[in-house]
Amino acid sequence: MAQSTEQQPARTRDVNDLFSGGRLTAIPRKVARREQVLVHLAQTLFEEGRGYSEPEVNEALHTVHEDSSALRRYLITSGLLTRTRDGSCYRRSTTTR
């Protein structure tokens, strides 16, 4: 059973504060805050060990924010998602944070 919001770690609660109706209200400008959101998105939207095409990544990200391209770029540059050199396959990084 999921923990109530009061019992969840502060970090998770903070990330959840950035969502309304399951959608990210805005991409945080502060790097640390954005990193929290990106970790959350990588863990909740993408399975470990599974490859995704760019349209699949965009579709998953679009479920939480209209600017899926920006989120995809942030996930790649932060190392939370990796992609093949030709951009045909994306994977969730095995690095944990």
Protein backbone atom coordinates (compact mmCIF):
# COMPACT_ATOMS: atom_id res chain seq x y z
CA MET A 1 0.00 0.00 0.00
CA ALA A 2 1.31 3.48 -0.85
CA GLN A 3 2.39 5.71 1.99
CA SER A 4 0.31 8.77 2.78
CA THR A 5 1.78 12.10 1.74
CA GLU A 6 2.63 12.86 5.37
CA GLN A 7 4.73 9.69 5.66
CA GLN A 8 6.61 10.08 2.37
CA PRO A 9 10.13 11.47 2.43
CA ALA A 10 10.29 15.26 2.06
CA ARG A 11 12.06 14.92 -1.30
CA THR A 12 9.18 12.94 -2.82
CA ARG A 13 6.60 15.29 -1.38
CA ASP A 14 8.48 18.25 -2.88
CA VAL A 15 8.46 16.66 -6.32
CA ASN A 16 4.76 15.89 -6.05
CA ASP A 17 4.11 19.56 -5.26
CA LEU A 18 5.23 20.38 -8.81
CA PHE A 19 2.44 18.26 -10.31
CA SER A 20 -1.25 19.03 -10.64
CA GLY A 21 -3.65 16.43 -11.96
CA GLY A 22 -0.69 14.19 -12.83
CA ARG A 23 0.93 16.88 -15.00
CA LEU A 24 4.06 18.87 -14.35
CA THR A 25 2.95 22.48 -13.86
CA ALA A 26 6.30 23.92 -15.03
CA ILE A 27 9.84 22.73 -15.67
CA PRO A 28 11.83 24.08 -12.72
CA ARG A 29 14.51 26.65 -13.54
CA LYS A 30 16.65 25.82 -10.51
CA VAL A 31 19.00 22.99 -11.42
CA ALA A 32 18.63 21.04 -8.15
CA ARG A 33 14.84 21.19 -8.29
CA ARG A 34 14.81 20.23 -11.98
CA GLU A 35 17.12 17.30 -11.21
CA GLN A 36 14.61 16.03 -8.62
CA VAL A 37 11.86 16.13 -11.24
CA LEU A 38 14.02 14.43 -13.86
CA VAL A 39 14.93 11.59 -11.50
CA HIS A 40 11.24 11.16 -10.68
CA LEU A 41 10.27 11.12 -14.37
CA ALA A 42 13.02 8.66 -15.32
CA GLN A 43 11.99 6.28 -12.55
CA THR A 44 8.25 6.49 -13.14
CA LEU A 45 8.00 6.70 -16.94
CA PHE A 46 10.79 4.41 -18.15
CA GLU A 47 11.52 0.78 -17.33
CA GLU A 48 15.10 -0.30 -16.69
CA GLY A 49 16.58 -2.40 -19.47
CA ARG A 50 13.94 -1.53 -22.05
CA GLY A 51 14.74 0.36 -25.25
CA TYR A 52 12.46 3.17 -26.41
CA SER A 53 12.18 4.91 -29.76
CA GLU A 54 12.18 8.72 -29.81
CA PRO A 55 8.41 8.83 -30.47
CA GLU A 56 7.84 6.53 -27.46
CA VAL A 57 9.97 8.77 -25.24
CA ASN A 58 8.13 11.86 -26.47
CA GLU A 59 4.75 10.21 -25.92
CA ALA A 60 5.65 9.21 -22.35
CA LEU A 61 6.95 12.68 -21.53
CA HIS A 62 3.98 14.36 -23.19
CA THR A 63 1.70 12.66 -20.63
CA VAL A 64 3.22 14.93 -17.97
CA HIS A 65 4.19 18.12 -19.86
CA GLU A 66 3.62 19.64 -23.30
CA ASP A 67 7.34 20.37 -23.86
CA SER A 68 8.46 16.77 -24.24
CA SER A 69 11.49 17.83 -26.30
CA ALA A 70 12.92 19.95 -23.48
CA LEU A 71 12.35 17.19 -20.93
CA ARG A 72 13.98 14.64 -23.25
CA ARG A 73 17.04 16.88 -23.70
CA TYR A 74 17.31 17.45 -19.94
CA LEU A 75 17.07 13.69 -19.29
CA ILE A 76 19.84 13.02 -21.83
CA THR A 77 22.18 15.78 -20.64
CA SER A 78 21.70 14.77 -17.00
CA GLY A 79 22.59 11.17 -17.89
CA LEU A 80 19.26 9.75 -16.71
CA LEU A 81 18.45 8.56 -20.24
CA THR A 82 21.02 7.36 -22.73
CA ARG A 83 20.61 7.08 -26.47
CA THR A 84 22.41 5.37 -29.27
CA ARG A 85 24.67 7.49 -31.43
CA ASP A 86 22.09 7.52 -34.25
CA GLY A 87 19.29 8.45 -31.81
CA SER A 88 17.23 5.38 -32.67
CA CYS A 89 17.09 3.90 -29.15
CA TYR A 90 16.77 5.47 -25.71
CA ARG A 91 17.25 3.66 -22.39
CA ARG A 92 16.93 4.58 -18.76
CA SER A 93 20.39 4.85 -17.27
CA THR A 94 21.33 2.19 -14.76
CA THR A 95 22.96 4.84 -12.56
CA THR A 96 20.98 5.39 -9.38
CA ARG A 97 20.68 8.71 -7.59
